[in-house]
Amino acid sequence: MMDHKRARLAPAALALFMCWGVGRGHAQDTQPPAPDLAATVIARIGMVPARHNVFHESKHIAALTHDLNSSGELIYARPGHVQKITREPRPETLIVQGTTLSLARGQGPARVVDLSHHAQLAALVEAIRAPLDGDITALRHDYTLAAQGDVAHWTLQLTPQPAMARYVRTITIDGQNNAMTVIRVVQANGDTQVMRIDPPV
């Protein structure tokens, strides 16, 4: 059974791994669908070594009467360094480097977890970090992938393996060329999160 710390960190990790866009891409790339479109898209995303974007996120939670909105910055640097810096409505910084995840709210101390000891949290991380790294093998370890569209305008659907299904029902990523533009997460309880990513800062 998951301990209390792990239970508290899982939603925070999920909030990060709603992320990401996006390199500038190649304008009007209209190649026909590749035999394995998902692999082609992931490879193209992984060609961008660093990213810095503004995000706008909306969470719909059934128990609340209104959506929760936030905004901030997303930063990626190869290999495997991801930051989600929330500016509004209150400051929060979530950083992943290697197998370490840290979460700090406001001026409080960061809470740190070793992902190598938390398989479910690690899978949430890889839902976004693996595409950014161009690592489709890591992604397919935890998710079944389906792709629609072509390399210019595509949609990826990530369906979690049974061990992850307690947290997430599906993750859908829309994008253009090597850019993720919208990420939708449907949690196991039906709550949803949508993140829209602006062009690079």
C-alpha atoms as a PDB file:
ATOM      1  CA  MET A   1       0.000   0.000   0.000  1.00  0.00           C
ATOM      2  CA  MET A   2       1.246   3.488  -0.866  1.00  0.00           C
ATOM      3  CA  ASP A   3       2.471   5.459   2.165  1.00  0.00           C
ATOM      4  CA  HIS A   4       1.088   8.908   3.068  1.00  0.00           C
ATOM      5  CA  LYS A   5       4.025  10.871   1.608  1.00  0.00           C
ATOM      6  CA  ARG A   6       3.695   9.048  -1.696  1.00  0.00           C
ATOM      7  CA  ALA A   7      -0.052   9.710  -1.732  1.00  0.00           C
ATOM      8  CA  ARG A   8       0.531  13.445  -1.246  1.00  0.00           C
ATOM      9  CA  LEU A   9       3.232  13.681  -3.892  1.00  0.00           C
ATOM     10  CA  ALA A  10       1.324  11.800  -6.605  1.00  0.00           C
ATOM     11  CA  PRO A  11      -1.100  14.677  -7.387  1.00  0.00           C
ATOM     12  CA  ALA A  12       1.771  17.153  -7.418  1.00  0.00           C
ATOM     13  CA  ALA A  13       3.730  14.999  -9.829  1.00  0.00           C
ATOM     14  CA  LEU A  14       0.653  14.633 -11.996  1.00  0.00           C
ATOM     15  CA  ALA A  15       0.290  18.397 -12.058  1.00  0.00           C
ATOM     16  CA  LEU A  16       3.784  18.749 -13.476  1.00  0.00           C
ATOM     17  CA  PHE A  17       3.368  16.057 -16.030  1.00  0.00           C
ATOM     18  CA  MET A  18       0.553  17.849 -17.617  1.00  0.00           C
ATOM     19  CA  CYS A  19       3.210  19.746 -19.403  1.00  0.00           C
ATOM     20  CA  TRP A  20       4.768  20.522 -22.314  1.00  0.00           C
ATOM     21  CA  GLY A  21       5.568  22.374 -25.413  1.00  0.00           C
ATOM     22  CA  VAL A  22       7.519  23.131 -27.610  1.00  0.00           C
ATOM     23  CA  GLY A  23      10.280  23.909 -30.066  1.00  0.00           C
ATOM     24  CA  ARG A  24       9.729  26.129 -33.019  1.00  0.00           C
ATOM     25  CA  GLY A  25       9.293  23.234 -35.407  1.00  0.00           C
ATOM     26  CA  HIS A  26       9.433  23.233 -39.188  1.00  0.00           C
ATOM     27  CA  ALA A  27       6.836  25.388 -40.876  1.00  0.00           C
ATOM     28  CA  GLN A  28       4.164  23.644 -42.906  1.00  0.00           C
ATOM     29  CA  ASP A  29       5.694  20.188 -42.814  1.00  0.00           C
ATOM     30  CA  THR A  30       3.130  18.083 -44.682  1.00  0.00           C
ATOM     31  CA  GLN A  31       4.788  14.705 -44.915  1.00  0.00           C
ATOM     32  CA  PRO A  32       2.365  11.755 -45.068  1.00  0.00           C
ATOM     33  CA  PRO A  33       1.869   9.648 -41.917  1.00  0.00           C
ATOM     34  CA  ALA A  34       4.859   7.502 -41.037  1.00  0.00           C
ATOM     35  CA  PRO A  35       4.420   3.732 -40.565  1.00  0.00           C
ATOM     36  CA  ASP A  36       4.914   4.344 -36.828  1.00  0.00           C
ATOM     37  CA  LEU A  37       3.689   7.892 -36.347  1.00  0.00           C
ATOM     38  CA  ALA A  38       4.130   7.819 -32.566  1.00  0.00           C
ATOM     39  CA  ALA A  39       7.809   6.917 -32.884  1.00  0.00           C
ATOM     40  CA  THR A  40       8.345   9.605 -35.514  1.00  0.00           C
ATOM     41  CA  VAL A  41       6.683  12.286 -33.382  1.00  0.00           C
ATOM     42  CA  ILE A  42       8.653  11.329 -30.256  1.00  0.00           C
ATOM     43  CA  ALA A  43      11.916  11.372 -32.204  1.00  0.00           C
ATOM     44  CA  ARG A  44      11.154  14.857 -33.549  1.00  0.00           C
ATOM     45  CA  ILE A  45      10.250  16.210 -30.101  1.00  0.00           C
ATOM     46  CA  GLY A  46      13.506  14.807 -28.759  1.00  0.00           C
ATOM     47  CA  MET A  47      15.573  16.729 -31.315  1.00  0.00           C
ATOM     48  CA  VAL A  48      15.099  19.970 -29.331  1.00  0.00           C
ATOM     49  CA  PRO A  49      17.805  20.113 -26.607  1.00  0.00           C
ATOM     50  CA  ALA A  50      16.255  22.873 -24.467  1.00  0.00           C
ATOM     51  CA  ARG A  51      12.848  24.505 -24.039  1.00  0.00           C
ATOM     52  CA  HIS A  52      11.362  27.456 -22.168  1.00  0.00           C
ATOM     53  CA  ASN A  53       7.624  28.060 -22.429  1.00  0.00           C
ATOM     54  CA  VAL A  54       4.733  29.761 -20.670  1.00  0.00           C
ATOM     55  CA  PHE A  55       1.832  27.511 -19.686  1.00  0.00           C
ATOM     56  CA  HIS A  56      -1.817  28.069 -18.780  1.00  0.00           C
ATOM     57  CA  GLU A  57      -3.495  25.220 -16.913  1.00  0.00           C
ATOM     58  CA  SER A  58      -7.114  24.523 -15.988  1.00  0.00           C
ATOM     59  CA  LYS A  59      -8.224  21.746 -13.638  1.00  0.00           C
ATOM     60  CA  HIS A  60     -11.819  20.531 -13.441  1.00  0.00           C
ATOM     61  CA  ILE A  61     -12.486  18.756 -10.150  1.00  0.00           C
ATOM     62  CA  ALA A  62     -15.956  17.310  -9.592  1.00  0.00           C
ATOM     63  CA  ALA A  63     -16.002  18.254  -5.901  1.00  0.00           C
ATOM     64  CA  LEU A  64     -15.479  21.964  -6.680  1.00  0.00           C
ATOM     65  CA  THR A  65     -17.929  24.476  -8.127  1.00  0.00           C
ATOM     66  CA  HIS A  66     -15.360  26.189 -10.356  1.00  0.00           C
ATOM     67  CA  ASP A  67     -12.225  25.269 -12.275  1.00  0.00           C
ATOM     68  CA  LEU A  68      -8.769  25.877 -10.816  1.00  0.00           C
ATOM     69  CA  ASN A  69      -6.584  27.981 -13.108  1.00  0.00           C
ATOM     70  CA  SER A  70      -2.842  28.537 -12.915  1.00  0.00           C
ATOM     71  CA  SER A  71       0.010  29.777 -15.067  1.00  0.00           C
ATOM     72  CA  GLY A  72       3.767  29.862 -15.073  1.00  0.00           C
ATOM     73  CA  GLU A  73       6.852  28.631 -16.888  1.00  0.00           C
ATOM     74  CA  LEU A  74       8.058  25.264 -18.145  1.00  0.00           C
ATOM     75  CA  ILE A  75      11.767  24.597 -18.581  1.00  0.00           C
ATOM     76  CA  TYR A  76      13.510  21.565 -20.061  1.00  0.00           C
ATOM     77  CA  ALA A  77      17.207  20.864 -20.569  1.00  0.00           C
ATOM     78  CA  ARG A  78      18.677  17.660 -21.943  1.00  0.00           C
ATOM     79  CA  PRO A  79      19.198  15.176 -20.471  1.00  0.00           C
ATOM     80  CA  GLY A  80      16.103  14.740 -18.357  1.00  0.00           C
ATOM     81  CA  HIS A  81      15.905  18.054 -16.458  1.00  0.00           C
ATOM     82  CA  VAL A  82      12.346  19.372 -16.141  1.00  0.00           C
ATOM     83  CA  GLN A  83      10.974  22.326 -14.161  1.00  0.00           C
ATOM     84  CA  LYS A  84       7.427  23.560 -13.698  1.00  0.00           C
ATOM     85  CA  ILE A  85       7.459  27.005 -12.078  1.00  0.00           C
ATOM     86  CA  THR A  86       3.953  28.148 -11.157  1.00  0.00           C
ATOM     87  CA  ARG A  87       3.633  31.941 -10.803  1.00  0.00           C
ATOM     88  CA  GLU A  88      -0.126  32.381 -10.388  1.00  0.00           C
ATOM     89  CA  PRO A  89      -2.216  32.108  -8.290  1.00  0.00           C
ATOM     90  CA  ARG A  90       0.559  31.158  -5.815  1.00  0.00           C
ATOM     91  CA  PRO A  91       4.224  30.251  -6.282  1.00  0.00           C
ATOM     92  CA  GLU A  92       5.271  26.618  -6.538  1.00  0.00           C
ATOM     93  CA  THR A  93       8.355  25.003  -8.055  1.00  0.00           C
ATOM     94  CA  LEU A  94       8.570  21.361  -9.074  1.00  0.00           C
ATOM     95  CA  ILE A  95      11.920  20.088 -10.383  1.00  0.00           C
ATOM     96  CA  VAL A  96      12.877  16.685 -11.753  1.00  0.00           C
ATOM     97  CA  GLN A  97      16.519  15.804 -12.333  1.00  0.00           C
ATOM     98  CA  GLY A  98      17.484  12.191 -12.926  1.00  0.00           C
ATOM     99  CA  THR A  99      15.649  10.096 -10.331  1.00  0.00           C
ATOM    100  CA  THR A 100      15.060  13.007  -7.928  1.00  0.00           C
ATOM    101  CA  LEU A 101      11.814  14.978  -7.705  1.00  0.00           C
ATOM    102  CA  SER A 102      11.554  18.065  -5.487  1.00  0.00           C
ATOM    103  CA  LEU A 103       8.523  20.219  -4.716  1.00  0.00           C
ATOM    104  CA  ALA A 104       8.617  23.622  -2.982  1.00  0.00           C
ATOM    105  CA  ARG A 105       5.626  25.859  -2.248  1.00  0.00           C
ATOM    106  CA  GLY A 106       6.221  29.532  -1.607  1.00  0.00           C
ATOM    107  CA  GLN A 107       9.213  30.089   0.657  1.00  0.00           C
ATOM    108  CA  GLY A 108       8.859  26.711   2.343  1.00  0.00           C
ATOM    109  CA  PRO A 109      11.498  23.973   2.212  1.00  0.00           C
ATOM    110  CA  ALA A 110      11.500  21.581  -0.725  1.00  0.00           C
ATOM    111  CA  ARG A 111      10.185  18.052  -0.259  1.00  0.00           C
ATOM    112  CA  VAL A 112      12.333  15.509  -2.080  1.00  0.00           C
ATOM    113  CA  VAL A 113      11.531  11.990  -3.269  1.00  0.00           C
ATOM    114  CA  ASP A 114      13.684   9.356  -4.962  1.00  0.00           C
ATOM    115  CA  LEU A 115      11.737   8.215  -8.028  1.00  0.00           C
ATOM    116  CA  SER A 116      13.649   4.942  -8.185  1.00  0.00           C
ATOM    117  CA  HIS A 117      11.670   3.869  -5.102  1.00  0.00           C
ATOM    118  CA  HIS A 118       8.278   5.028  -6.422  1.00  0.00           C
ATOM    119  CA  ALA A 119       7.390   3.304  -9.684  1.00  0.00           C
ATOM    120  CA  GLN A 120       4.036   5.065 -10.152  1.00  0.00           C
ATOM    121  CA  LEU A 121       5.515   8.527  -9.688  1.00  0.00           C
ATOM    122  CA  ALA A 122       8.343   7.634 -12.046  1.00  0.00           C
ATOM    123  CA  ALA A 123       5.793   6.637 -14.689  1.00  0.00           C
ATOM    124  CA  LEU A 124       4.062  10.021 -14.338  1.00  0.00           C
ATOM    125  CA  VAL A 125       7.400  11.723 -14.855  1.00  0.00           C
ATOM    126  CA  GLU A 126       8.208   9.691 -17.946  1.00  0.00           C
ATOM    127  CA  ALA A 127       4.870  10.540 -19.565  1.00  0.00           C
ATOM    128  CA  ILE A 128       6.432  13.907 -20.402  1.00  0.00           C
ATOM    129  CA  ARG A 129      10.145  13.585 -19.848  1.00  0.00           C
ATOM    130  CA  ALA A 130      10.515  10.574 -22.157  1.00  0.00           C
ATOM    131  CA  PRO A 131       9.045  12.445 -25.167  1.00  0.00           C
ATOM    132  CA  LEU A 132      11.240  15.464 -24.402  1.00  0.00           C
ATOM    133  CA  ASP A 133      14.261  13.161 -24.315  1.00  0.00           C
ATOM    134  CA  GLY A 134      13.057  11.391 -27.479  1.00  0.00           C
ATOM    135  CA  ASP A 135      12.962   8.094 -25.559  1.00  0.00           C
ATOM    136  CA  ILE A 136      10.022   6.090 -26.874  1.00  0.00           C
ATOM    137  CA  THR A 137      11.284   2.900 -25.203  1.00  0.00           C
ATOM    138  CA  ALA A 138      10.887   4.449 -21.751  1.00  0.00           C
ATOM    139  CA  LEU A 139       7.447   5.747 -22.693  1.00  0.00           C
ATOM    140  CA  ARG A 140       6.234   2.369 -23.919  1.00  0.00           C
ATOM    141  CA  HIS A 141       7.387   0.747 -20.682  1.00  0.00           C
ATOM    142  CA  ASP A 142       4.474   2.401 -18.853  1.00  0.00           C
ATOM    143  CA  TYR A 143       1.972   3.302 -21.587  1.00  0.00           C
ATOM    144  CA  THR A 144       0.335   1.964 -24.714  1.00  0.00           C
ATOM    145  CA  LEU A 145       0.651   4.590 -27.451  1.00  0.00           C
ATOM    146  CA  ALA A 146      -1.717   5.497 -30.263  1.00  0.00           C
ATOM    147  CA  ALA A 147      -1.208   8.303 -32.779  1.00  0.00           C
ATOM    148  CA  GLN A 148      -3.449  10.138 -35.236  1.00  0.00           C
ATOM    149  CA  GLY A 149      -2.780  12.771 -37.873  1.00  0.00           C
ATOM    150  CA  ASP A 150       0.591  13.358 -39.507  1.00  0.00           C
ATOM    151  CA  VAL A 151       3.931  14.846 -38.489  1.00  0.00           C
ATOM    152  CA  ALA A 152       2.627  18.389 -39.067  1.00  0.00           C
ATOM    153  CA  HIS A 153      -0.494  18.069 -36.879  1.00  0.00           C
ATOM    154  CA  TRP A 154      -0.711  15.073 -34.573  1.00  0.00           C
ATOM    155  CA  THR A 155      -2.379  13.642 -31.482  1.00  0.00           C
ATOM    156  CA  LEU A 156      -0.803  11.099 -29.157  1.00  0.00           C
ATOM    157  CA  GLN A 157      -2.900   9.085 -26.715  1.00  0.00           C
ATOM    158  CA  LEU A 158      -1.143   7.428 -23.782  1.00  0.00           C
ATOM    159  CA  THR A 159      -3.070   4.649 -22.057  1.00  0.00           C
ATOM    160  CA  PRO A 160      -1.399   3.569 -18.810  1.00  0.00           C
ATOM    161  CA  GLN A 161      -0.479   0.026 -17.925  1.00  0.00           C
ATOM    162  CA  PRO A 162      -2.590  -1.475 -15.082  1.00  0.00           C
ATOM    163  CA  ALA A 163      -0.208  -0.341 -12.336  1.00  0.00           C
ATOM    164  CA  MET A 164      -0.757   3.293 -13.370  1.00  0.00           C
ATOM    165  CA  ALA A 165      -4.499   3.067 -13.930  1.00  0.00           C
ATOM    166  CA  ARG A 166      -5.217   3.936 -10.279  1.00  0.00           C
ATOM    167  CA  TYR A 167      -4.013   7.470 -11.040  1.00  0.00           C
ATOM    168  CA  VAL A 168      -4.624   8.166 -14.717  1.00  0.00           C
ATOM    169  CA  ARG A 169      -7.183   6.997 -17.256  1.00  0.00           C
ATOM    170  CA  THR A 170      -5.645   8.626 -20.330  1.00  0.00           C
ATOM    171  CA  ILE A 171      -3.169  11.323 -21.342  1.00  0.00           C
ATOM    172  CA  THR A 172      -3.733  13.008 -24.713  1.00  0.00           C
ATOM    173  CA  ILE A 173      -1.111  15.267 -26.272  1.00  0.00           C
ATOM    174  CA  ASP A 174      -1.846  17.493 -29.271  1.00  0.00           C
ATOM    175  CA  GLY A 175       0.999  19.025 -31.193  1.00  0.00           C
ATOM    176  CA  GLN A 176       2.423  20.484 -34.363  1.00  0.00           C
ATOM    177  CA  ASN A 177       5.746  19.368 -35.821  1.00  0.00           C
ATOM    178  CA  ASN A 178       8.119  19.023 -32.812  1.00  0.00           C
ATOM    179  CA  ALA A 179       5.884  21.080 -30.492  1.00  0.00           C
ATOM    180  CA  MET A 180       3.433  19.914 -27.851  1.00  0.00           C
ATOM    181  CA  THR A 181       0.637  22.489 -27.699  1.00  0.00           C
ATOM    182  CA  VAL A 182      -2.130  20.997 -25.538  1.00  0.00           C
ATOM    183  CA  ILE A 183      -2.022  18.231 -22.947  1.00  0.00           C
ATOM    184  CA  ARG A 184      -5.189  16.718 -21.503  1.00  0.00           C
ATOM    185  CA  VAL A 185      -5.173  14.358 -18.548  1.00  0.00           C
ATOM    186  CA  VAL A 186      -8.208  12.369 -17.440  1.00  0.00           C
ATOM    187  CA  GLN A 187      -7.608  11.012 -13.963  1.00  0.00           C
ATOM    188  CA  ALA A 188      -8.975   7.699 -12.761  1.00  0.00           C
ATOM    189  CA  ASN A 189     -11.817   9.450 -10.890  1.00  0.00           C
ATOM    190  CA  GLY A 190     -12.865  11.453 -13.963  1.00  0.00           C
ATOM    191  CA  ASP A 191     -11.328  14.789 -12.955  1.00  0.00           C
ATOM    192  CA  THR A 192      -9.571  16.497 -15.857  1.00  0.00           C
ATOM    193  CA  GLN A 193      -6.630  18.830 -16.399  1.00  0.00           C
ATOM    194  CA  VAL A 194      -5.871  20.774 -19.566  1.00  0.00           C
ATOM    195  CA  MET A 195      -2.590  22.575 -20.131  1.00  0.00           C
ATOM    196  CA  ARG A 196      -2.025  24.913 -23.069  1.00  0.00           C
ATOM    197  CA  ILE A 197       1.537  25.824 -23.955  1.00  0.00           C
ATOM    198  CA  ASP A 198       2.543  29.117 -25.537  1.00  0.00           C
ATOM    199  CA  PRO A 199       5.338  29.384 -28.129  1.00  0.00           C
ATOM    200  CA  PRO A 200       8.899  29.549 -26.768  1.00  0.00           C
ATOM    201  CA  VAL A 201       9.871  32.412 -24.492  1.00  0.00           C
END
